[in-house]
């Protein structure tokens, strides 16, 4: 009788086990996590020129940047005594503390205009820049908070502001005094390299 109980218990235990399945999973067969895709790279086309007289510098141009994009037009003075040729070819450094800037907003058709005052007796580095930190949220969503989504573009440059690294677009032109002989007067096409700026 005792043996019969043991046999019944064993049969019941085997029936219980037969209802359970143990599945061993090979980790190498598990589906890999999807790779994070790199941000899309957006190329930027920015073209600009300046017209100037004794009192002002007028920036005009065209771009494929979206409507509402902010562009910064600026001037920085060169130290007194800087040779005109050094200004023309960008061989001298302007004084950063003299920077004066105005902002332009890109219109629906991709054009922009902004005006800066000038002293006709001073030499300047003139610049027009697309800077990611100045942009409204919809523009940052396209090009990234730090410009990391800007693709290969003419005028691409890296800079630091308040400890953060950014990528932007910059165009330059030299501007000497009205008394500097042989200097182009009136209109200049801006370029990524200051020495390449030319009259038009």
Protein backbone atom coordinates (compact mmCIF):
# COMPACT_ATOMS: atom_id res chain seq x y z
CA UNK A 1 0.00 0.00 0.00
CA UNK A 2 2.87 2.32 0.84
CA UNK A 3 4.52 1.60 -2.49
CA UNK A 4 1.27 2.39 -4.29
CA UNK A 5 1.15 5.84 -2.68
CA UNK A 6 4.71 6.53 -3.72
CA UNK A 7 3.96 5.49 -7.30
CA UNK A 8 0.84 7.68 -7.38
CA UNK A 9 2.80 10.66 -6.05
CA UNK A 10 5.53 10.15 -8.67
CA UNK A 11 2.95 9.92 -11.47
CA UNK A 12 1.25 13.10 -10.25
CA UNK A 13 4.59 14.91 -10.11
CA UNK A 14 5.47 13.78 -13.66
CA UNK A 15 2.08 14.96 -14.95
CA UNK A 16 2.66 18.34 -13.30
CA UNK A 17 6.08 18.66 -14.87
CA UNK A 18 4.74 17.73 -18.31
CA UNK A 19 2.57 20.90 -18.24
CA UNK A 20 5.59 23.15 -17.82
CA UNK A 21 8.02 24.14 -20.57
CA UNK A 22 11.51 25.41 -19.94
CA UNK A 23 12.88 27.42 -22.88
CA UNK A 24 16.54 28.31 -23.07
CA UNK A 25 17.28 31.44 -25.15
CA UNK A 26 20.55 31.89 -26.95
CA UNK A 27 21.54 35.57 -26.28
CA UNK A 28 23.18 35.73 -29.71
CA UNK A 29 19.77 35.13 -31.33
CA UNK A 30 18.05 38.02 -29.60
CA UNK A 31 17.04 40.90 -31.89
CA UNK A 32 19.68 43.66 -31.76
CA UNK A 33 18.65 47.10 -30.60
CA UNK A 34 18.11 49.48 -33.52
CA UNK A 35 21.07 51.80 -34.07
CA UNK A 36 20.50 55.48 -33.45
CA UNK A 37 20.53 57.26 -36.77
CA UNK A 38 22.84 60.23 -37.21
CA UNK A 39 21.12 63.62 -37.52
CA UNK A 40 20.36 64.70 -41.07
CA UNK A 41 22.93 67.09 -42.47
CA UNK A 42 21.45 70.25 -43.99
CA UNK A 43 23.57 72.21 -46.45
CA UNK A 44 23.35 76.02 -46.21
CA UNK A 45 23.79 78.43 -49.09
CA UNK A 46 24.46 82.01 -47.95
CA UNK A 47 25.49 84.80 -50.32
CA UNK A 48 25.98 88.41 -49.28
CA UNK A 49 27.48 91.70 -50.37
CA UNK A 50 27.95 95.10 -48.80
CA UNK A 51 27.42 98.60 -50.17
CA UNK A 52 28.95 101.45 -48.21
CA UNK A 53 29.55 105.18 -48.11
CA UNK A 54 30.99 107.58 -45.54
CA UNK A 55 28.24 106.93 -43.01
CA UNK A 56 26.88 103.40 -43.32
CA UNK A 57 27.40 99.79 -44.42
CA UNK A 58 24.43 98.06 -46.04
CA UNK A 59 24.32 94.24 -46.05
CA UNK A 60 22.15 92.51 -48.67
CA UNK A 61 21.97 88.95 -49.86
CA UNK A 62 20.15 85.72 -50.60
CA UNK A 63 20.01 82.37 -48.82
CA UNK A 64 18.15 79.07 -48.73
CA UNK A 65 17.80 79.39 -44.96
CA UNK A 66 14.14 79.28 -43.86
CA UNK A 67 12.02 82.37 -43.28
CA UNK A 68 12.60 83.75 -39.79
CA UNK A 69 16.27 82.71 -39.59
CA UNK A 70 18.41 85.28 -37.75
CA UNK A 71 21.64 86.50 -39.32
CA UNK A 72 24.19 88.64 -37.46
CA UNK A 73 25.93 91.47 -39.32
CA UNK A 74 28.94 92.85 -37.47
CA UNK A 75 32.00 95.07 -37.69
CA UNK A 76 35.21 94.99 -35.65
CA UNK A 77 37.81 97.75 -35.70
CA UNK A 78 41.47 97.18 -36.48
CA UNK A 79 44.10 98.77 -34.23
CA UNK A 80 45.19 102.25 -35.22
CA UNK A 81 48.17 102.02 -37.55
CA UNK A 82 47.22 98.68 -39.13
CA UNK A 83 48.40 98.66 -42.73
CA UNK A 84 45.61 98.72 -45.36
CA UNK A 85 47.07 95.69 -47.14
CA UNK A 86 46.95 93.66 -43.89
CA UNK A 87 43.26 94.52 -43.63
CA UNK A 88 42.56 93.55 -47.23
CA UNK A 89 44.15 90.09 -46.94
CA UNK A 90 43.04 89.42 -43.37
CA UNK A 91 46.61 89.24 -42.07
CA UNK A 92 45.89 91.40 -39.01
CA UNK A 93 43.54 90.67 -36.10
CA UNK A 94 40.67 93.05 -35.34
CA UNK A 95 39.89 94.13 -31.78
CA UNK A 96 37.13 91.83 -30.50
CA UNK A 97 36.09 94.31 -27.83
CA UNK A 98 35.09 96.79 -30.56
CA UNK A 99 32.50 94.47 -32.08
CA UNK A 100 29.21 96.12 -33.02
CA UNK A 101 26.40 94.01 -34.47
CA UNK A 102 22.85 94.15 -35.77
CA UNK A 103 20.50 91.28 -36.56
CA UNK A 104 18.64 90.62 -39.81
CA UNK A 105 15.71 88.25 -40.30
CA UNK A 106 15.47 86.19 -43.48
CA UNK A 107 12.31 87.02 -45.44
CA UNK A 108 9.97 84.52 -47.08
CA UNK A 109 11.73 84.82 -50.44
CA UNK A 110 15.14 84.18 -48.83
CA UNK A 111 16.46 87.75 -48.88
CA UNK A 112 17.74 89.94 -46.06
CA UNK A 113 18.93 93.49 -45.42
CA UNK A 114 20.64 95.13 -42.45
CA UNK A 115 22.51 98.42 -41.94
CA UNK A 116 25.46 99.33 -39.70
CA UNK A 117 26.92 102.79 -39.11
CA UNK A 118 30.62 103.36 -39.79
CA UNK A 119 33.39 105.80 -39.05
CA UNK A 120 35.07 106.60 -42.40
CA UNK A 121 38.43 107.06 -40.65
CA UNK A 122 38.52 103.53 -39.20
CA UNK A 123 39.40 100.17 -40.70
CA UNK A 124 37.04 97.24 -40.09
CA UNK A 125 36.57 93.54 -40.49
CA UNK A 126 33.00 93.09 -41.76
CA UNK A 127 31.18 89.83 -41.12
CA UNK A 128 27.81 88.18 -41.71
CA UNK A 129 27.13 85.02 -39.71
CA UNK A 130 24.55 82.31 -39.16
CA UNK A 131 24.90 81.43 -35.47
CA UNK A 132 22.80 78.54 -34.05
CA UNK A 133 22.48 80.05 -30.56
CA UNK A 134 20.62 83.09 -31.97
CA UNK A 135 17.93 81.05 -33.73
CA UNK A 136 14.27 80.55 -32.81
CA UNK A 137 13.21 77.01 -31.88
CA UNK A 138 11.91 75.96 -35.36
CA UNK A 139 15.29 76.81 -36.93
CA UNK A 140 17.21 75.01 -34.18
CA UNK A 141 15.11 71.91 -34.86
CA UNK A 142 16.47 71.90 -38.43
CA UNK A 143 20.14 72.73 -37.86
CA UNK A 144 20.62 71.61 -34.24
CA UNK A 145 21.06 73.61 -31.04
CA UNK A 146 24.79 73.84 -31.70
CA UNK A 147 24.76 73.56 -35.48
CA UNK A 148 25.57 69.84 -35.44
CA UNK A 149 23.07 69.22 -38.27
CA UNK A 150 24.71 71.66 -40.70
CA UNK A 151 26.16 69.77 -43.65
CA UNK A 152 29.11 70.65 -45.89
CA UNK A 153 28.60 74.32 -46.74
CA UNK A 154 30.70 77.24 -47.94
CA UNK A 155 31.75 79.39 -45.00
CA UNK A 156 31.43 76.63 -42.38
CA UNK A 157 33.29 77.54 -39.17
CA UNK A 158 33.56 76.40 -35.55
CA UNK A 159 33.52 78.75 -32.58
CA UNK A 160 32.99 78.82 -28.83
CA UNK A 161 30.53 80.94 -26.89
CA UNK A 162 30.10 80.78 -23.11
CA UNK A 163 31.92 77.45 -22.98
CA UNK A 164 29.81 75.75 -25.68
CA UNK A 165 31.18 74.68 -29.06
CA UNK A 166 29.11 75.70 -32.09
CA UNK A 167 29.20 75.27 -35.87
CA UNK A 168 27.96 78.13 -38.02
CA UNK A 169 28.40 79.92 -41.34
CA UNK A 170 30.47 83.09 -41.75
CA UNK A 171 31.29 85.48 -44.60
CA UNK A 172 33.83 88.31 -44.40
CA UNK A 173 34.99 91.48 -46.14
CA UNK A 174 37.59 94.13 -45.32
CA UNK A 175 36.76 97.82 -45.06
CA UNK A 176 39.54 100.40 -45.03
CA UNK A 177 39.26 104.15 -44.50
CA UNK A 178 38.02 106.44 -47.27
CA UNK A 179 41.55 107.89 -47.56
CA UNK A 180 43.31 104.58 -48.24
CA UNK A 181 44.58 104.77 -51.82
CA UNK A 182 43.78 101.94 -54.20
CA UNK A 183 41.05 100.45 -52.04
CA UNK A 184 37.78 99.41 -53.68
CA UNK A 185 35.08 101.91 -52.90
CA UNK A 186 31.37 101.30 -52.92
CA UNK A 187 30.55 97.58 -53.14
CA UNK A 188 32.12 94.28 -52.07
CA UNK A 189 31.04 90.66 -52.37
CA UNK A 190 31.60 88.85 -49.06
CA UNK A 191 33.53 85.56 -48.92
CA UNK A 192 34.46 82.87 -46.35
CA UNK A 193 38.04 84.14 -46.56
CA UNK A 194 38.46 87.89 -46.16
CA UNK A 195 41.24 88.06 -48.75
CA UNK A 196 38.86 86.70 -51.40
CA UNK A 197 36.27 89.50 -51.06
CA UNK A 198 35.93 91.28 -54.38
CA UNK A 199 34.12 94.30 -55.85
CA UNK A 200 31.08 93.54 -57.96
